[in-house]
């Protein structure tokens, strides 16, 4: 495909809607960090340890994200067997927010929500990749992540009501300990649950923020910086993951191997993925 347009767009309440979608996966894999193509110019990163340029899936809904690069992203993800992509819906740096002009407390932008819906439907139908909105991301002092329950509820209601028919589960935040205390994470998840019956998870470095009663799972980010991921042994990754699982799983929560390396395309990363996903059977996927 060369465009981000749904193949079939019928109301989600219609009988034809379910027939227009593939079967939802039971394991959610992707490479949210992945090598940038030569033509990619948007959302590019470099590390002193990384030979080349990399990019990520998180900016999928940004207003300025080039469609041709998003298509290359999806083609690459499909080529490596991805079944989902995570992305944020609120990010200060890019002014990604479901309002007119991304304004905090601004008017909900229905045209923007229509585009978000069309993109999410298109990736399911065209690539067999499912959208995982991961909420707020990712910085201290975030304007969008202020402790204003009324604004949070207003925005989450609009997004969830629009995208929920297409979403396997929701994320309330990415790298949440950067901007919220654990009790805020639980309160945020409880607001999501006002509008959806689907699970609500977090992405974070550390497990403590995911222990609230309203949080259903954790996409775990290891304690080391991902630019050093190539040098971390499978045994070391497993040991840290086991510590996390010993808290998360007995609490009845799901676990995803969320982030440990930027070297996602290497044989070493493949061995790490195999070592992690085969180690704990309650892991619902790997995002690296």
Protein backbone atom coordinates (compact mmCIF):
# COMPACT_ATOMS: atom_id res chain seq x y z
CA UNK A 1 0.00 0.00 0.00
CA UNK A 2 1.13 3.55 -0.69
CA UNK A 3 -1.50 5.39 1.33
CA UNK A 4 -2.89 5.36 4.85
CA UNK A 5 -6.51 4.92 3.90
CA UNK A 6 -8.95 2.22 5.02
CA UNK A 7 -9.78 -0.44 2.48
CA UNK A 8 -13.35 -0.62 3.80
CA UNK A 9 -14.80 2.03 6.08
CA UNK A 10 -18.18 1.14 7.51
CA UNK A 11 -19.67 2.21 10.87
CA UNK A 12 -18.29 0.13 13.76
CA UNK A 13 -21.89 -0.65 14.77
CA UNK A 14 -22.64 -2.29 11.41
CA UNK A 15 -22.63 -6.01 10.70
CA UNK A 16 -19.96 -5.50 8.03
CA UNK A 17 -17.48 -3.91 10.43
CA UNK A 18 -16.19 -7.09 12.09
CA UNK A 19 -15.93 -8.80 8.71
CA UNK A 20 -13.67 -5.98 7.47
CA UNK A 21 -11.03 -6.74 10.13
CA UNK A 22 -8.56 -9.61 10.41
CA UNK A 23 -8.49 -11.79 13.51
CA UNK A 24 -6.95 -9.93 16.44
CA UNK A 25 -3.60 -11.40 17.52
CA UNK A 26 -3.01 -12.99 20.91
CA UNK A 27 0.65 -11.92 21.00
CA UNK A 28 1.60 -8.28 20.42
CA UNK A 29 5.06 -7.90 18.88
CA UNK A 30 6.77 -4.99 17.16
CA UNK A 31 10.05 -3.11 16.89
CA UNK A 32 9.00 0.30 18.18
CA UNK A 33 12.66 1.33 17.78
CA UNK A 34 13.93 0.34 14.34
CA UNK A 35 16.55 1.33 11.73
CA UNK A 36 15.66 4.42 9.69
CA UNK A 37 15.56 4.12 5.92
CA UNK A 38 17.70 6.47 3.83
CA UNK A 39 14.56 8.34 2.78
CA UNK A 40 13.35 8.85 6.36
CA UNK A 41 13.85 12.41 7.60
CA UNK A 42 11.31 12.67 10.42
CA UNK A 43 11.75 11.56 14.03
CA UNK A 44 15.33 10.46 13.46
CA UNK A 45 17.67 9.65 16.34
CA UNK A 46 21.32 8.73 16.76
CA UNK A 47 23.42 7.35 19.60
CA UNK A 48 27.17 7.32 20.02
CA UNK A 49 27.02 3.52 20.33
CA UNK A 50 24.68 2.95 17.36
CA UNK A 51 26.07 2.66 13.81
CA UNK A 52 23.53 4.64 11.82
CA UNK A 53 20.17 6.30 12.33
CA UNK A 54 17.09 4.93 14.02
CA UNK A 55 13.47 6.00 14.33
CA UNK A 56 10.36 4.82 16.17
CA UNK A 57 6.63 4.17 15.97
CA UNK A 58 5.61 6.58 18.71
CA UNK A 59 4.99 9.60 16.44
CA UNK A 60 2.44 7.72 14.30
CA UNK A 61 -0.34 10.28 14.93
CA UNK A 62 1.75 13.46 14.81
CA UNK A 63 0.29 16.12 12.53
CA UNK A 64 3.52 16.53 10.56
CA UNK A 65 4.53 12.88 10.23
CA UNK A 66 5.05 12.21 6.48
CA UNK A 67 2.67 9.59 5.13
CA UNK A 68 5.37 8.04 2.94
CA UNK A 69 7.56 7.48 5.99
CA UNK A 70 4.65 6.01 7.94
CA UNK A 71 4.02 3.61 5.07
CA UNK A 72 7.69 2.58 5.12
CA UNK A 73 7.37 2.10 8.87
CA UNK A 74 4.43 -0.23 8.42
CA UNK A 75 6.09 -2.13 5.59
CA UNK A 76 9.14 -2.67 7.78
CA UNK A 77 7.08 -3.70 10.80
CA UNK A 78 5.16 -6.22 8.73
CA UNK A 79 8.41 -7.59 7.28
CA UNK A 80 9.67 -8.43 10.79
CA UNK A 81 6.40 -10.01 11.90
CA UNK A 82 4.99 -7.16 13.94
CA UNK A 83 1.36 -7.44 15.01
CA UNK A 84 1.00 -3.98 16.60
CA UNK A 85 2.57 -0.55 16.93
CA UNK A 86 2.49 1.61 20.08
CA UNK A 87 2.19 5.39 19.81
CA UNK A 88 1.28 8.34 22.00
CA UNK A 89 -1.82 10.52 21.84
CA UNK A 90 -0.44 13.36 23.97
CA UNK A 91 3.10 14.68 23.63
CA UNK A 92 4.27 18.22 24.34
CA UNK A 93 7.34 18.23 22.11
CA UNK A 94 5.33 17.55 18.96
CA UNK A 95 2.10 19.20 20.21
CA UNK A 96 0.27 15.95 19.60
CA UNK A 97 -3.08 16.31 21.33
CA UNK A 98 -6.67 15.75 20.14
CA UNK A 99 -7.59 19.44 20.14
CA UNK A 100 -7.54 22.27 17.61
CA UNK A 101 -3.87 23.18 17.14
CA UNK A 102 -2.90 20.86 19.99
CA UNK A 103 -3.96 23.50 22.49
CA UNK A 104 -4.26 22.39 26.11
CA UNK A 105 -7.92 22.78 27.13
CA UNK A 106 -8.69 23.62 23.51
CA UNK A 107 -11.69 22.50 21.50
CA UNK A 108 -11.71 18.82 20.57
CA UNK A 109 -10.68 18.52 16.91
CA UNK A 110 -13.17 16.11 15.36
CA UNK A 111 -11.38 16.18 11.99
CA UNK A 112 -8.15 15.14 13.71
CA UNK A 113 -9.94 12.29 15.47
CA UNK A 114 -11.39 11.21 12.11
CA UNK A 115 -7.83 11.09 10.70
CA UNK A 116 -6.59 9.12 13.70
CA UNK A 117 -9.44 6.65 13.24
CA UNK A 118 -8.74 6.31 9.50
CA UNK A 119 -5.02 5.70 10.13
CA UNK A 120 -5.75 3.05 12.76
CA UNK A 121 -8.30 1.30 10.56
CA UNK A 122 -5.95 1.45 7.57
CA UNK A 123 -3.06 -0.26 9.35
CA UNK A 124 -5.30 -3.08 10.56
CA UNK A 125 -6.84 -3.71 7.15
CA UNK A 126 -3.80 -3.00 5.00
CA UNK A 127 -0.97 -4.47 7.08
CA UNK A 128 -2.61 -6.64 9.75
CA UNK A 129 -0.99 -4.41 12.39
CA UNK A 130 -3.08 -3.31 15.37
CA UNK A 131 -2.91 0.15 16.96
CA UNK A 132 -1.90 0.49 20.61
CA UNK A 133 -2.51 4.08 21.80
CA UNK A 134 -0.20 4.58 24.78
CA UNK A 135 -1.60 7.80 26.17
CA UNK A 136 0.61 10.58 27.50
CA UNK A 137 4.37 10.73 26.87
CA UNK A 138 7.11 11.29 28.01
CA UNK A 139 8.68 14.29 29.76
CA UNK A 140 8.93 16.05 33.09
CA UNK A 141 6.95 19.28 33.27
CA UNK A 142 4.48 18.08 30.64
CA UNK A 143 1.68 20.57 30.07
CA UNK A 144 -0.63 17.86 28.79
CA UNK A 145 0.01 15.60 31.79
CA UNK A 146 -1.00 18.18 34.40
CA UNK A 147 -3.13 16.92 37.28
CA UNK A 148 -6.41 18.25 35.93
CA UNK A 149 -8.93 15.42 36.12
CA UNK A 150 -11.59 17.31 34.18
CA UNK A 151 -9.28 17.99 31.22
CA UNK A 152 -7.89 14.46 31.29
CA UNK A 153 -11.38 12.94 31.35
CA UNK A 154 -12.61 15.21 28.53
CA UNK A 155 -9.71 14.30 26.26
CA UNK A 156 -9.64 10.58 27.05
CA UNK A 157 -13.40 10.33 26.56
CA UNK A 158 -13.09 11.83 23.08
CA UNK A 159 -10.19 9.59 22.03
CA UNK A 160 -11.52 6.36 23.54
CA UNK A 161 -15.02 6.86 22.17
CA UNK A 162 -13.49 7.31 18.71
CA UNK A 163 -10.81 4.61 18.63
CA UNK A 164 -12.04 1.93 21.02
CA UNK A 165 -13.58 -0.31 18.31
CA UNK A 166 -10.09 -0.65 16.76
CA UNK A 167 -7.91 -0.96 19.86
CA UNK A 168 -6.98 -4.30 21.51
CA UNK A 169 -5.98 -2.53 24.74
CA UNK A 170 -5.05 0.95 25.91
CA UNK A 171 -1.96 2.52 27.45
CA UNK A 172 -2.39 5.39 29.88
CA UNK A 173 1.19 6.59 29.58
CA UNK A 174 4.69 6.01 28.20
CA UNK A 175 7.66 6.35 30.59
CA UNK A 176 5.11 7.39 33.18
CA UNK A 177 7.49 7.79 36.10
CA UNK A 178 8.92 10.79 34.25
CA UNK A 179 5.76 12.78 34.99
CA UNK A 180 3.30 10.93 37.27
CA UNK A 181 3.38 9.38 40.72
CA UNK A 182 1.96 5.84 41.05
CA UNK A 183 -1.36 7.07 42.46
CA UNK A 184 -1.80 9.35 39.44
CA UNK A 185 -1.20 6.41 37.09
CA UNK A 186 -3.96 4.47 38.83
CA UNK A 187 -6.31 7.45 38.71
CA UNK A 188 -5.57 7.91 34.99
CA UNK A 189 -6.31 4.25 34.30
CA UNK A 190 -9.58 4.52 36.22
CA UNK A 191 -10.67 7.33 33.89
CA UNK A 192 -9.91 5.17 30.85
CA UNK A 193 -12.08 2.46 32.40
CA UNK A 194 -15.01 4.87 32.53
CA UNK A 195 -15.14 4.69 28.73
CA UNK A 196 -13.76 1.25 27.82
CA UNK A 197 -13.97 -2.33 29.03
CA UNK A 198 -10.62 -3.14 27.47
CA UNK A 199 -7.39 -3.52 29.48
CA UNK A 200 -5.33 -0.45 30.36
CA UNK A 201 -1.56 -0.77 30.73
CA UNK A 202 1.49 1.45 31.28
CA UNK A 203 4.96 1.62 29.78
CA UNK A 204 7.67 2.30 32.32
CA UNK A 205 11.16 1.67 33.61
CA UNK A 206 10.26 0.00 36.90
CA UNK A 207 7.20 -1.92 38.02
CA UNK A 208 5.96 0.13 40.99
CA UNK A 209 3.82 2.52 38.94
CA UNK A 210 1.80 -0.38 37.52
CA UNK A 211 0.58 -1.81 40.83
CA UNK A 212 -2.66 0.19 41.09
CA UNK A 213 -5.94 -1.72 41.03
CA UNK A 214 -7.09 -0.05 37.80
CA UNK A 215 -3.93 -0.94 35.84
CA UNK A 216 -4.06 -4.23 33.95
CA UNK A 217 -0.49 -4.61 32.75
CA UNK A 218 2.98 -3.23 32.12
CA UNK A 219 5.19 -2.85 29.06
CA UNK A 220 8.50 -2.96 30.91
CA UNK A 221 11.53 -0.83 30.09
CA UNK A 222 14.79 -2.23 31.46
CA UNK A 223 16.94 -0.15 33.80
CA UNK A 224 19.84 0.35 31.39
CA UNK A 225 19.79 2.82 28.50
CA UNK A 226 18.74 1.10 25.22
CA UNK A 227 21.91 2.34 23.53
CA UNK A 228 23.74 -0.25 25.65
CA UNK A 229 21.28 -3.05 24.88
CA UNK A 230 23.65 -4.85 22.54
CA UNK A 231 26.00 -5.56 25.43
CA UNK A 232 23.45 -6.97 27.89
CA UNK A 233 23.41 -10.75 28.17
CA UNK A 234 20.24 -12.79 27.87
CA UNK A 235 20.76 -14.04 31.41
CA UNK A 236 20.99 -10.49 32.76
CA UNK A 237 17.85 -9.45 30.87
CA UNK A 238 16.02 -12.49 32.19
CA UNK A 239 17.05 -11.86 35.78
CA UNK A 240 15.74 -8.30 35.74
CA UNK A 241 12.56 -9.38 33.96
CA UNK A 242 11.96 -12.14 36.51
CA UNK A 243 12.13 -9.60 39.34
CA UNK A 244 9.48 -7.52 37.60
CA UNK A 245 7.28 -10.51 36.84
CA UNK A 246 7.42 -11.62 40.47
CA UNK A 247 5.52 -8.43 41.34
CA UNK A 248 3.34 -7.94 38.26
CA UNK A 249 2.05 -11.45 37.54
CA UNK A 250 0.89 -12.38 41.08
CA UNK A 251 -1.10 -9.12 41.05
CA UNK A 252 -3.05 -10.48 38.06
CA UNK A 253 -1.46 -8.15 35.52
CA UNK A 254 -0.09 -8.80 32.03
CA UNK A 255 3.53 -8.22 31.05
CA UNK A 256 5.17 -7.13 27.78
CA UNK A 257 8.91 -7.04 27.19
CA UNK A 258 8.79 -3.37 26.30
CA UNK A 259 12.23 -1.83 25.76
CA UNK A 260 15.82 -2.88 26.23
CA UNK A 261 17.79 -2.16 23.03
CA UNK A 262 18.02 0.16 20.06
CA UNK A 263 19.88 -2.58 18.13
CA UNK A 264 16.59 -4.30 17.28
CA UNK A 265 17.73 -5.56 13.87
CA UNK A 266 20.78 -7.52 15.07
CA UNK A 267 21.22 -11.27 15.68
CA UNK A 268 21.96 -10.44 19.32
CA UNK A 269 18.57 -8.74 19.66
CA UNK A 270 16.89 -11.74 18.05
CA UNK A 271 18.53 -13.99 20.65
CA UNK A 272 17.44 -11.60 23.41
CA UNK A 273 13.83 -11.63 22.17
CA UNK A 274 13.80 -15.41 22.00
CA UNK A 275 15.34 -15.66 25.44
CA UNK A 276 12.78 -13.33 26.98
CA UNK A 277 9.58 -14.41 25.28
CA UNK A 278 10.38 -18.10 25.72
CA UNK A 279 11.38 -17.61 29.35
CA UNK A 280 8.14 -16.39 30.89
CA UNK A 281 5.02 -17.84 29.25
CA UNK A 282 2.83 -15.00 30.52
CA UNK A 283 4.66 -12.45 28.36
CA UNK A 284 2.19 -11.07 25.83
CA UNK A 285 4.78 -9.80 23.37
CA UNK A 286 8.04 -7.94 22.81
CA UNK A 287 8.28 -4.36 21.55
CA UNK A 288 12.03 -4.39 20.80
